[in-house]
Amino acid sequence: MRFDIRYRLAFEYENVVRHSQNELRACPLTDDHQLLLSYRVTSSPAARVHGFTDYWGTRVDAYGIREPHVAVEVVAEAAVETRQRPLMVASPRMSELTDPAFADEHAEYLAPTRHTAAGPRLAESADEIRSRGETDVVSLVLDVHRRTHRSIAYESGSTEIGITHDALLAGGRGVCQDYAHLSVALCRELGVPARYVSGYFFAADDRTGATVVGDSTEVQTHAWFEAAIPGAGWLALDPTNALAVGERHVAIGRGRDYDDVPPIRGVYAGGAAATLDAGVEMRLLANASPAPGHRLPLHQQAQQQQ
């Protein structure tokens, strides 16, 4: 599938501010499952944008506005082509998770973080999954995927970043980043390396993954998780809607949790409160596949208007 994506963020301030500095993470990755065809960032007031790749492999667009201002609009536009993911046919034994080489390679995705630390309720959930006696890693991860989907109901605006897993499970309501964090935390509690993924999802409804009627839709940024399977790579699953990640998912970045891949992060000088209006338009286009193995030159993959 080929998508054109337009991600718009508009900040408004109560009073004049100055020296705003921001980092934007909105650019789709190029990997085995998707190919970035073009990308550019524009802002109003105009700003010079400096793009770089961070430690986790995510493109970051940094920009600053020195002149006094009361509003900022930033637009990231991308064209990306996605591919169907092959089915996971591996079935490694649980004992392979403790292989020293595998554990060392994935150490950063095994350690708890601010958003994936286990509390009593989550530890109890992990014990219940463990008691099922799964003998292979893929089956265990699929158990996590199903359990997370059943544990909370999707409700927009029901939580904020930073909610503990015990509070989330007690409340029974959450949004996509909560499903992703809960899945990552359960995997790590069970000894499976897992990572958080931010991106876009071409669906009429995040909670169900319903197919879009027509060729375009308005969405918000989305989140899912990937679990490391010994000898087979990463298994990508979307627990919000109980789906496997596929051609309608477009990854922006991967990290230990949300803090490694926030869509926008920044500061400004001034005492004014800010409001943010953000939205994503995704349009499905006719496929335009490059020849097998072909990769566009970097300067074409990441065109940037300054």
Protein backbone atom coordinates (compact mmCIF):
# COMPACT_ATOMS: atom_id res chain seq x y z
CA MET A 1 0.00 0.00 0.00
CA ARG A 2 1.13 3.55 -0.64
CA PHE A 3 0.05 6.43 1.60
CA ASP A 4 0.38 10.18 1.56
CA ILE A 5 0.43 11.42 5.16
CA ARG A 6 -0.02 14.99 6.40
CA TYR A 7 0.61 15.54 10.12
CA ARG A 8 -0.32 19.02 11.39
CA LEU A 9 0.37 20.49 14.82
CA ALA A 10 -0.86 23.97 15.77
CA PHE A 11 0.14 25.63 19.04
CA GLU A 12 -1.64 28.73 20.36
CA TYR A 13 -0.40 30.74 23.35
CA GLU A 14 -2.40 33.02 25.64
CA ASN A 15 0.30 35.69 25.42
CA VAL A 16 3.39 36.41 23.36
CA VAL A 17 6.21 33.88 23.80
CA ARG A 18 9.72 33.70 22.36
CA HIS A 19 12.59 31.31 21.81
CA SER A 20 10.45 28.19 21.36
CA GLN A 21 12.55 25.08 20.68
CA ASN A 22 10.97 21.81 19.59
CA GLU A 23 11.73 18.27 18.44
CA LEU A 24 9.30 16.57 16.09
CA ARG A 25 9.15 12.81 15.49
CA ALA A 26 6.77 12.31 12.59
CA CYS A 27 8.84 10.79 9.78
CA PRO A 28 8.04 7.19 8.76
CA LEU A 29 10.90 4.71 9.00
CA THR A 30 12.44 2.77 6.16
CA ASP A 31 12.84 -0.89 7.13
CA ASP A 32 11.99 -4.38 5.85
CA HIS A 33 8.26 -3.60 5.90
CA GLN A 34 7.99 -0.04 4.64
CA LEU A 35 9.84 2.39 2.37
CA LEU A 36 9.90 6.17 2.82
CA LEU A 37 9.50 7.83 -0.57
CA SER A 38 9.50 11.53 0.35
CA TYR A 39 9.31 13.74 3.42
CA ARG A 40 9.35 17.43 4.29
CA VAL A 41 8.64 19.69 7.25
CA THR A 42 7.40 23.29 7.08
CA SER A 43 6.56 25.73 9.84
CA SER A 44 4.86 29.08 10.32
CA PRO A 45 6.56 31.31 11.42
CA ALA A 46 9.26 29.93 9.15
CA ALA A 47 12.12 28.14 10.90
CA ARG A 48 15.26 26.32 9.85
CA VAL A 49 14.73 22.60 10.48
CA HIS A 50 17.65 20.36 11.39
CA GLY A 51 17.04 16.65 10.89
CA PHE A 52 19.03 13.88 12.56
CA THR A 53 18.62 10.25 13.63
CA ASP A 54 18.51 9.57 17.36
CA TYR A 55 19.93 6.62 19.32
CA TRP A 56 16.82 4.49 18.68
CA GLY A 57 16.91 5.01 14.91
CA THR A 58 14.09 7.56 14.76
CA ARG A 59 14.35 10.67 12.61
CA VAL A 60 14.10 13.85 14.68
CA ASP A 61 13.36 17.27 13.19
CA ALA A 62 14.57 20.04 15.51
CA TYR A 63 13.52 23.63 14.94
CA GLY A 64 13.51 26.89 16.88
CA ILE A 65 11.64 30.18 16.58
CA ARG A 66 13.36 33.19 18.11
CA GLU A 67 10.98 35.98 17.15
CA PRO A 68 8.05 36.78 19.47
CA HIS A 69 4.93 34.82 18.49
CA VAL A 70 1.49 33.78 19.71
CA ALA A 71 1.03 30.72 17.49
CA VAL A 72 3.08 28.08 15.68
CA GLU A 73 1.97 25.67 12.99
CA VAL A 74 4.14 22.75 11.91
CA VAL A 75 3.27 20.40 9.05
CA ALA A 76 5.08 17.14 8.25
CA GLU A 77 4.24 15.57 4.88
CA ALA A 78 5.35 12.09 3.87
CA ALA A 79 4.83 9.49 1.18
CA VAL A 80 5.45 5.91 2.25
CA GLU A 81 4.93 2.44 0.84
CA THR A 82 4.15 -0.50 3.11
CA ARG A 83 4.47 -4.24 2.49
CA GLN A 84 2.64 -7.28 3.79
CA ARG A 85 4.46 -8.89 6.72
CA PRO A 86 5.15 -12.63 6.47
CA LEU A 87 3.50 -14.89 9.00
CA MET A 88 5.58 -15.79 12.05
CA VAL A 89 6.20 -19.53 11.71
CA ALA A 90 8.95 -19.91 14.33
CA SER A 91 8.19 -21.58 17.66
CA PRO A 92 11.31 -21.21 19.85
CA ARG A 93 11.22 -22.82 23.27
CA MET A 94 10.98 -20.64 26.37
CA SER A 95 14.49 -21.70 27.38
CA GLU A 96 15.90 -19.77 24.41
CA LEU A 97 14.97 -16.49 26.13
CA THR A 98 17.77 -17.07 28.64
CA ASP A 99 20.46 -17.60 26.00
CA PRO A 100 23.23 -15.18 27.08
CA ALA A 101 23.79 -13.77 23.58
CA PHE A 102 20.07 -13.14 23.03
CA ALA A 103 19.57 -11.58 26.46
CA ASP A 104 22.61 -9.34 26.06
CA GLU A 105 21.53 -8.15 22.60
CA HIS A 106 18.09 -7.18 23.91
CA ALA A 107 19.03 -5.99 27.40
CA GLU A 108 17.59 -2.49 26.87
CA TYR A 109 14.20 -4.00 26.05
CA LEU A 110 14.12 -6.19 29.15
CA ALA A 111 14.70 -3.54 31.83
CA PRO A 112 11.68 -1.76 33.38
CA THR A 113 11.22 1.94 32.60
CA ARG A 114 9.02 4.74 33.93
CA HIS A 115 6.07 3.58 31.82
CA THR A 116 6.68 -0.18 32.00
CA ALA A 117 7.51 -0.85 35.66
CA ALA A 118 5.41 -3.66 37.11
CA GLY A 119 3.13 -3.18 40.11
CA PRO A 120 1.21 -5.83 42.09
CA ARG A 121 -1.73 -6.05 39.66
CA LEU A 122 0.51 -6.39 36.62
CA ALA A 123 2.68 -8.99 38.37
CA GLU A 124 -0.50 -10.95 39.16
CA SER A 125 -1.51 -10.79 35.48
CA ALA A 126 1.93 -12.05 34.46
CA ASP A 127 1.65 -14.94 36.95
CA GLU A 128 -1.72 -15.92 35.47
CA ILE A 129 -0.25 -15.98 31.97
CA ARG A 130 2.75 -17.96 33.21
CA SER A 131 0.47 -20.49 34.89
CA ARG A 132 -0.99 -21.42 31.50
CA GLY A 133 2.25 -23.26 30.87
CA GLU A 134 3.01 -22.04 27.37
CA THR A 135 6.06 -23.86 26.05
CA ASP A 136 7.00 -21.57 23.15
CA VAL A 137 7.68 -17.82 23.04
CA VAL A 138 5.25 -16.93 20.25
CA SER A 139 2.31 -18.51 22.09
CA LEU A 140 3.28 -16.61 25.24
CA VAL A 141 3.39 -13.28 23.40
CA LEU A 142 0.03 -13.97 21.76
CA ASP A 143 -1.37 -14.62 25.25
CA VAL A 144 -0.07 -11.20 26.32
CA HIS A 145 -1.64 -9.62 23.24
CA ARG A 146 -5.06 -11.15 23.90
CA ARG A 147 -5.00 -10.46 27.62
CA THR A 148 -4.07 -6.81 27.16
CA HIS A 149 -6.91 -6.31 24.69
CA ARG A 150 -9.40 -7.82 27.15
CA SER A 151 -8.04 -6.03 30.23
CA ILE A 152 -9.05 -2.48 29.31
CA ALA A 153 -11.68 -0.82 27.13
CA TYR A 154 -10.72 1.88 24.65
CA GLU A 155 -11.94 5.33 25.72
CA SER A 156 -10.46 8.46 24.16
CA GLY A 157 -9.13 10.93 26.74
CA SER A 158 -9.56 8.50 29.64
CA THR A 159 -5.91 8.53 30.74
CA GLU A 160 -2.76 10.60 30.57
CA ILE A 161 0.84 9.57 29.92
CA GLY A 162 2.33 8.47 33.24
CA ILE A 163 -0.60 6.47 34.62
CA THR A 164 0.59 3.37 36.50
CA HIS A 165 -0.39 -0.06 35.23
CA ASP A 166 -2.17 -0.86 38.47
CA ALA A 167 -4.28 2.30 38.13
CA LEU A 168 -4.92 1.50 34.48
CA LEU A 169 -6.08 -2.05 35.26
CA ALA A 170 -8.20 -0.82 38.15
CA GLY A 171 -9.87 1.82 35.98
CA GLY A 172 -10.40 -0.49 33.04
CA ARG A 173 -10.16 2.32 30.46
CA GLY A 174 -7.28 3.46 28.26
CA VAL A 175 -6.01 4.54 24.87
CA CYS A 176 -3.51 3.07 22.40
CA GLN A 177 -0.35 4.01 24.30
CA ASP A 178 -1.79 2.33 27.41
CA TYR A 179 -2.39 -0.92 25.51
CA ALA A 180 1.16 -0.74 24.12
CA HIS A 181 2.77 0.03 27.49
CA LEU A 182 0.80 -2.69 29.25
CA SER A 183 1.84 -5.26 26.63
CA VAL A 184 5.49 -4.24 26.83
CA ALA A 185 5.43 -4.39 30.63
CA LEU A 186 3.83 -7.86 30.66
CA CYS A 187 6.31 -9.19 28.13
CA ARG A 188 9.27 -7.91 30.13
CA GLU A 189 7.83 -9.28 33.37
CA LEU A 190 7.70 -12.67 31.61
CA GLY A 191 11.28 -12.39 30.34
CA VAL A 192 10.45 -11.47 26.74
CA PRO A 193 12.21 -8.39 25.31
CA ALA A 194 9.62 -5.93 23.99
CA ARG A 195 9.56 -2.41 22.59
CA TYR A 196 7.05 0.39 22.11
CA VAL A 197 6.24 1.55 18.56
CA SER A 198 4.73 4.88 17.54
CA GLY A 199 3.16 5.42 14.15
CA TYR A 200 0.07 5.95 12.04
CA PHE A 201 -2.79 3.51 11.45
CA PHE A 202 -5.07 3.73 8.42
CA ALA A 203 -8.36 2.79 10.05
CA ALA A 204 -11.82 4.24 10.50
CA ASP A 205 -11.66 3.51 14.25
CA ASP A 206 -8.57 2.77 16.35
CA ARG A 207 -10.48 0.62 18.80
CA THR A 208 -11.73 -1.84 16.16
CA GLY A 209 -9.33 -1.35 13.25
CA ALA A 210 -12.34 -0.93 10.96
CA THR A 211 -11.50 -0.52 7.28
CA VAL A 212 -11.69 3.01 5.89
CA VAL A 213 -14.51 3.65 3.44
CA GLY A 214 -12.94 5.60 0.59
CA ASP A 215 -9.30 6.53 0.15
CA SER A 216 -8.66 9.01 2.98
CA THR A 217 -9.31 9.48 6.68
CA GLU A 218 -8.43 11.71 9.63
CA VAL A 219 -6.57 9.87 12.41
CA GLN A 220 -4.37 10.49 15.43
CA THR A 221 -0.93 9.05 16.01
CA HIS A 222 -1.12 5.41 17.11
CA ALA A 223 0.96 2.97 19.18
CA TRP A 224 1.56 -0.78 19.30
CA PHE A 225 4.31 -3.15 20.46
CA GLU A 226 6.90 -5.59 19.15
CA ALA A 227 8.28 -8.62 20.98
CA ALA A 228 11.67 -10.17 20.22
CA ILE A 229 11.38 -13.82 19.19
CA PRO A 230 14.66 -15.81 19.45
CA GLY A 231 15.98 -16.69 16.01
CA ALA A 232 13.04 -15.06 14.21
CA GLY A 233 13.17 -11.28 14.77
CA TRP A 234 10.36 -9.06 16.03
CA LEU A 235 6.66 -9.98 16.22
CA ALA A 236 4.51 -6.82 15.80
CA LEU A 237 1.04 -6.78 17.36
CA ASP A 238 -1.61 -4.11 17.92
CA PRO A 239 -3.42 -4.89 21.19
CA THR A 240 -5.77 -1.89 20.96
CA ASN A 241 -7.81 -3.67 18.30
CA ALA A 242 -6.47 -7.25 18.69
CA LEU A 243 -4.85 -7.21 15.24
CA ALA A 244 -1.47 -8.21 13.89
CA VAL A 245 0.44 -5.22 12.54
CA GLY A 246 0.12 -5.10 8.75
CA GLU A 247 0.16 -2.93 5.66
CA ARG A 248 -2.16 -0.31 7.19
CA HIS A 249 0.34 0.40 9.99
CA VAL A 250 3.11 2.95 9.33
CA ALA A 251 5.90 3.02 11.93
CA ILE A 252 7.57 6.30 12.95
CA GLY A 253 9.88 5.09 15.71
CA ARG A 254 10.63 2.40 18.27
CA GLY A 255 11.96 2.64 21.82
CA ARG A 256 11.71 1.37 25.37
CA ASP A 257 8.48 3.32 25.95
CA TYR A 258 6.67 6.51 24.93
CA ASP A 259 9.43 8.74 26.32
CA ASP A 260 11.81 7.53 23.58
CA VAL A 261 9.44 8.39 20.72
CA PRO A 262 7.14 11.33 21.65
CA PRO A 263 5.63 13.02 18.56
CA ILE A 264 6.54 16.48 19.85
CA ARG A 265 8.71 17.73 22.70
CA GLY A 266 9.79 21.29 23.37
CA VAL A 267 10.15 24.37 25.54
CA TYR A 268 9.47 28.07 25.18
CA ALA A 269 10.25 31.28 27.07
CA GLY A 270 7.24 33.07 28.49
CA GLY A 271 4.53 32.55 31.06
CA ALA A 272 1.67 31.90 28.64
CA ALA A 273 -0.32 28.67 28.70
CA ALA A 274 -0.42 26.76 25.41
CA THR A 275 -3.10 24.74 23.64
CA LEU A 276 -2.35 22.15 20.97
CA ASP A 277 -4.47 21.07 18.03
CA ALA A 278 -3.05 18.03 16.22
CA GLY A 279 -4.31 15.75 13.50
CA VAL A 280 -3.20 13.37 10.77
CA GLU A 281 -4.66 12.96 7.31
CA MET A 282 -3.86 9.69 5.56
CA ARG A 283 -4.63 9.11 1.89
CA LEU A 284 -4.33 5.73 0.19
CA LEU A 285 -2.83 5.93 -3.29
CA ALA A 286 -2.27 3.43 -6.08
CA ASN A 287 0.82 1.29 -5.49
CA ALA A 288 4.05 2.47 -7.09
CA SER A 289 6.52 -0.22 -6.09
CA PRO A 290 10.25 0.26 -6.74
CA ALA A 291 12.13 -2.65 -8.25
CA PRO A 292 13.02 -5.40 -5.74
CA GLY A 293 15.90 -4.33 -3.52
CA HIS A 294 15.76 -0.74 -4.78
CA ARG A 295 16.18 2.10 -2.31
CA LEU A 296 15.79 5.74 -3.15
CA PRO A 297 18.80 7.99 -2.45
CA LEU A 298 18.74 9.47 1.04
CA HIS A 299 18.19 13.01 -0.21
CA GLN A 300 15.03 11.83 -1.98
CA GLN A 301 13.88 9.73 0.97
CA ALA A 302 13.94 12.72 3.29
CA GLN A 303 13.31 15.90 1.37
CA GLN A 304 13.17 18.77 3.79
CA GLN A 305 12.03 22.31 3.10
CA GLN A 306 13.80 24.90 5.20
